[in-house]
């Protein structure tokens, strides 16, 4: 039962990473395509795609830092309390 819970937690984490990367890319690309059609500048899609990819990477970086930083903070608090 405990192993099954770990598997579901891992799958949830992978899904979160995927969504945090895909959503900004798709949103910025669609916005770029719409603006490109509206103003006759289809090249605007490329910078907005790159901006979406950077935003997605930033989201993933913050999430990973939060997840893996929690263990370090707990250790620091424990060390400070024992001093």
N, C-alpha and C. Protein backbone atom coordinates (compact mmCIF):
# COMPACT_ATOMS: atom_id res chain seq x y z
N UNK A 1 0.83 -1.20 0.00
CA UNK A 1 0.00 0.00 0.00
C UNK A 1 0.87 1.26 0.00
N UNK A 2 1.97 1.21 0.78
CA UNK A 2 2.84 2.38 0.86
C UNK A 2 3.55 2.63 -0.47
N UNK A 3 3.96 1.54 -1.14
CA UNK A 3 4.61 1.68 -2.45
C UNK A 3 3.65 2.25 -3.49
N UNK A 4 2.39 1.85 -3.41
CA UNK A 4 1.38 2.35 -4.35
C UNK A 4 1.19 3.85 -4.16
N UNK A 5 1.23 4.29 -2.93
CA UNK A 5 1.09 5.73 -2.65
C UNK A 5 2.26 6.51 -3.23
N UNK A 6 3.47 5.95 -3.11
CA UNK A 6 4.66 6.60 -3.68
C UNK A 6 4.55 6.71 -5.20
N UNK A 7 4.02 5.66 -5.82
CA UNK A 7 3.86 5.67 -7.28
C UNK A 7 2.88 6.77 -7.69
N UNK A 8 1.76 6.89 -6.99
CA UNK A 8 0.78 7.93 -7.31
C UNK A 8 1.35 9.32 -7.06
N UNK A 9 2.14 9.49 -6.01
CA UNK A 9 2.78 10.78 -5.75
C UNK A 9 3.76 11.13 -6.86
N UNK A 10 4.51 10.16 -7.32
CA UNK A 10 5.47 10.38 -8.40
C UNK A 10 4.76 10.75 -9.70
N UNK A 11 3.68 10.04 -10.01
CA UNK A 11 2.91 10.35 -11.22
C UNK A 11 2.30 11.75 -11.15
N UNK A 12 1.82 12.11 -9.97
CA UNK A 12 1.26 13.45 -9.78
C UNK A 12 2.32 14.51 -9.99
N UNK A 13 3.51 14.27 -9.47
CA UNK A 13 4.61 15.22 -9.64
C UNK A 13 4.99 15.37 -11.10
N UNK A 14 5.05 14.25 -11.83
CA UNK A 14 5.37 14.31 -13.26
C UNK A 14 4.30 15.08 -14.02
N UNK A 15 3.03 14.85 -13.67
CA UNK A 15 1.93 15.57 -14.31
C UNK A 15 2.02 17.06 -14.04
N UNK A 16 2.36 17.43 -12.81
CA UNK A 16 2.50 18.85 -12.47
C UNK A 16 3.64 19.49 -13.26
N UNK A 17 4.77 18.79 -13.36
CA UNK A 17 5.88 19.32 -14.14
C UNK A 17 5.46 19.52 -15.60
N UNK A 18 4.77 18.55 -16.16
CA UNK A 18 4.33 18.65 -17.56
C UNK A 18 3.37 19.81 -17.78
N UNK A 19 2.39 19.93 -16.89
CA UNK A 19 1.42 21.02 -17.03
C UNK A 19 2.08 22.39 -16.83
N UNK A 20 3.00 22.48 -15.88
CA UNK A 20 3.69 23.75 -15.65
C UNK A 20 4.54 24.16 -16.84
N UNK A 21 4.93 23.22 -17.67
CA UNK A 21 5.72 23.55 -18.85
C UNK A 21 4.83 23.78 -20.07
N UNK A 22 3.82 22.96 -20.25
CA UNK A 22 3.01 23.00 -21.48
C UNK A 22 2.05 24.19 -21.51
N UNK A 23 1.41 24.49 -20.40
CA UNK A 23 0.38 25.53 -20.38
C UNK A 23 0.93 26.89 -20.82
N UNK A 24 2.03 27.40 -20.24
CA UNK A 24 2.52 28.70 -20.71
C UNK A 24 2.95 28.69 -22.18
N UNK A 25 3.52 27.58 -22.63
CA UNK A 25 3.95 27.51 -24.04
C UNK A 25 2.74 27.58 -24.96
N UNK A 26 1.72 26.80 -24.67
CA UNK A 26 0.52 26.78 -25.52
C UNK A 26 -0.18 28.13 -25.48
N UNK A 27 -0.33 28.69 -24.29
CA UNK A 27 -1.02 29.98 -24.17
C UNK A 27 -0.28 31.09 -24.94
N UNK A 28 1.02 31.16 -24.78
CA UNK A 28 1.78 32.20 -25.48
C UNK A 28 1.80 31.97 -26.99
N UNK A 29 1.87 30.71 -27.41
CA UNK A 29 1.85 30.42 -28.84
C UNK A 29 0.50 30.79 -29.46
N UNK A 30 -0.58 30.44 -28.78
CA UNK A 30 -1.90 30.81 -29.29
C UNK A 30 -2.08 32.33 -29.33
N UNK A 31 -1.60 33.01 -28.29
CA UNK A 31 -1.67 34.47 -28.28
C UNK A 31 -0.86 35.05 -29.44
N UNK A 32 0.32 34.48 -29.67
CA UNK A 32 1.16 34.95 -30.78
C UNK A 32 0.51 34.71 -32.13
N UNK A 33 -0.11 33.55 -32.29
CA UNK A 33 -0.80 33.26 -33.56
C UNK A 33 -1.97 34.21 -33.77
N UNK A 34 -2.71 34.47 -32.70
CA UNK A 34 -3.86 35.38 -32.81
C UNK A 34 -3.39 36.80 -33.14
N UNK A 35 -2.37 37.27 -32.42
CA UNK A 35 -1.85 38.61 -32.71
C UNK A 35 -1.25 38.69 -34.12
N UNK A 36 -0.59 37.61 -34.54
CA UNK A 36 -0.01 37.57 -35.88
C UNK A 36 -1.06 37.70 -36.96
N UNK A 37 -2.19 37.01 -36.79
CA UNK A 37 -3.28 37.11 -37.76
C UNK A 37 -3.93 38.48 -37.71
N UNK A 38 -4.12 38.99 -36.50
CA UNK A 38 -4.82 40.27 -36.35
C UNK A 38 -4.03 41.43 -36.94
N UNK A 39 -2.72 41.43 -36.74
CA UNK A 39 -1.89 42.56 -37.18
C UNK A 39 -1.01 42.23 -38.39
N UNK A 40 -1.16 41.04 -38.95
CA UNK A 40 -0.40 40.70 -40.15
C UNK A 40 1.08 40.50 -39.89
N UNK A 41 1.43 40.06 -38.67
CA UNK A 41 2.84 39.83 -38.33
C UNK A 41 2.97 38.42 -37.73
N UNK A 42 2.96 37.38 -38.55
CA UNK A 42 3.01 36.02 -37.99
C UNK A 42 4.31 35.70 -37.24
N UNK A 43 5.35 36.50 -37.46
CA UNK A 43 6.63 36.25 -36.81
C UNK A 43 6.56 36.51 -35.29
N UNK A 44 5.54 37.21 -34.84
CA UNK A 44 5.39 37.51 -33.41
C UNK A 44 5.17 36.22 -32.60
N UNK A 45 4.77 35.16 -33.26
CA UNK A 45 4.54 33.88 -32.58
C UNK A 45 5.85 33.32 -32.01
N UNK A 46 6.95 33.51 -32.70
CA UNK A 46 8.23 32.94 -32.27
C UNK A 46 8.69 33.52 -30.93
N UNK A 47 8.76 34.85 -30.78
CA UNK A 47 9.18 35.38 -29.48
C UNK A 47 8.22 35.02 -28.34
N UNK A 48 6.93 34.96 -28.66
CA UNK A 48 5.97 34.59 -27.61
C UNK A 48 6.11 33.11 -27.24
N UNK A 49 6.43 32.26 -28.22
CA UNK A 49 6.71 30.86 -27.90
C UNK A 49 7.91 30.74 -26.97
N UNK A 50 8.96 31.48 -27.27
CA UNK A 50 10.17 31.46 -26.44
C UNK A 50 9.86 31.99 -25.04
N UNK A 51 9.07 33.05 -24.98
CA UNK A 51 8.67 33.60 -23.69
C UNK A 51 7.87 32.57 -22.88
N UNK A 52 6.99 31.82 -23.54
CA UNK A 52 6.23 30.77 -22.87
C UNK A 52 7.13 29.65 -22.36
N UNK A 53 8.13 29.28 -23.16
CA UNK A 53 9.06 28.24 -22.74
C UNK A 53 9.86 28.70 -21.53
N UNK A 54 10.30 29.94 -21.53
CA UNK A 54 11.03 30.47 -20.38
C UNK A 54 10.16 30.55 -19.14
N UNK A 55 8.90 30.94 -19.33
CA UNK A 55 7.97 30.99 -18.20
C UNK A 55 7.72 29.59 -17.65
N UNK A 56 7.58 28.62 -18.53
CA UNK A 56 7.39 27.24 -18.10
C UNK A 56 8.60 26.72 -17.34
N UNK A 57 9.79 27.01 -17.86
CA UNK A 57 11.00 26.60 -17.16
C UNK A 57 11.09 27.25 -15.79
N UNK A 58 10.73 28.52 -15.71
CA UNK A 58 10.73 29.23 -14.44
C UNK A 58 9.76 28.59 -13.45
N UNK A 59 8.58 28.22 -13.92
CA UNK A 59 7.61 27.54 -13.06
C UNK A 59 8.15 26.22 -12.53
N UNK A 60 8.77 25.44 -13.40
CA UNK A 60 9.31 24.15 -13.01
C UNK A 60 10.47 24.34 -12.02
N UNK A 61 11.31 25.32 -12.28
CA UNK A 61 12.44 25.58 -11.39
C UNK A 61 11.96 25.95 -9.99
N UNK A 62 10.96 26.83 -9.92
CA UNK A 62 10.43 27.23 -8.61
C UNK A 62 9.78 26.05 -7.89
N UNK A 63 9.05 25.23 -8.64
CA UNK A 63 8.39 24.08 -8.03
C UNK A 63 9.42 23.07 -7.52
N UNK A 64 10.45 22.80 -8.32
CA UNK A 64 11.48 21.85 -7.90
C UNK A 64 12.25 22.39 -6.70
N UNK A 65 12.53 23.68 -6.72
CA UNK A 65 13.24 24.29 -5.60
C UNK A 65 12.41 24.19 -4.32
N UNK A 66 11.12 24.39 -4.45
CA UNK A 66 10.22 24.29 -3.30
C UNK A 66 10.15 22.86 -2.78
N UNK A 67 10.06 21.89 -3.70
CA UNK A 67 9.95 20.49 -3.30
C UNK A 67 11.25 20.01 -2.64
N UNK A 68 12.37 20.26 -3.29
CA UNK A 68 13.64 19.75 -2.78
C UNK A 68 14.21 20.65 -1.69
N UNK A 69 13.76 21.87 -1.60
CA UNK A 69 14.22 22.78 -0.55
C UNK A 69 13.57 22.50 0.79
N UNK A 70 12.41 21.84 0.79
CA UNK A 70 11.71 21.56 2.04
C UNK A 70 12.53 20.67 2.94
N UNK A 71 13.21 19.69 2.40
CA UNK A 71 14.03 18.80 3.22
C UNK A 71 15.17 19.55 3.88
N UNK A 72 15.81 20.47 3.15
CA UNK A 72 16.92 21.24 3.70
C UNK A 72 16.47 22.17 4.81
N UNK A 73 15.31 22.81 4.62
CA UNK A 73 14.81 23.74 5.62
C UNK A 73 14.50 23.02 6.93
N UNK A 74 13.93 21.84 6.81
CA UNK A 74 13.62 21.07 8.01
C UNK A 74 14.88 20.70 8.77
N UNK A 75 15.95 20.36 8.04
CA UNK A 75 17.21 20.02 8.68
C UNK A 75 17.82 21.26 9.35
N UNK A 76 17.75 22.40 8.69
CA UNK A 76 18.30 23.62 9.28
C UNK A 76 17.56 24.00 10.54
N UNK A 77 16.24 23.91 10.51
CA UNK A 77 15.44 24.23 11.69
C UNK A 77 15.78 23.31 12.84
N UNK A 78 15.96 22.03 12.53
CA UNK A 78 16.28 21.05 13.57
C UNK A 78 17.65 21.35 14.17
N UNK A 79 18.64 21.70 13.33
CA UNK A 79 19.98 22.00 13.81
C UNK A 79 19.95 23.25 14.68
N UNK A 80 19.21 24.28 14.25
CA UNK A 80 19.14 25.52 15.01
C UNK A 80 18.46 25.31 16.35
N UNK A 81 17.44 24.45 16.40
CA UNK A 81 16.74 24.19 17.63
C UNK A 81 17.59 23.42 18.63
N UNK A 82 18.48 22.59 18.13
CA UNK A 82 19.32 21.78 19.03
C UNK A 82 20.48 22.58 19.58
N UNK A 83 20.82 23.70 18.98
CA UNK A 83 21.95 24.52 19.46
C UNK A 83 21.61 25.28 20.69
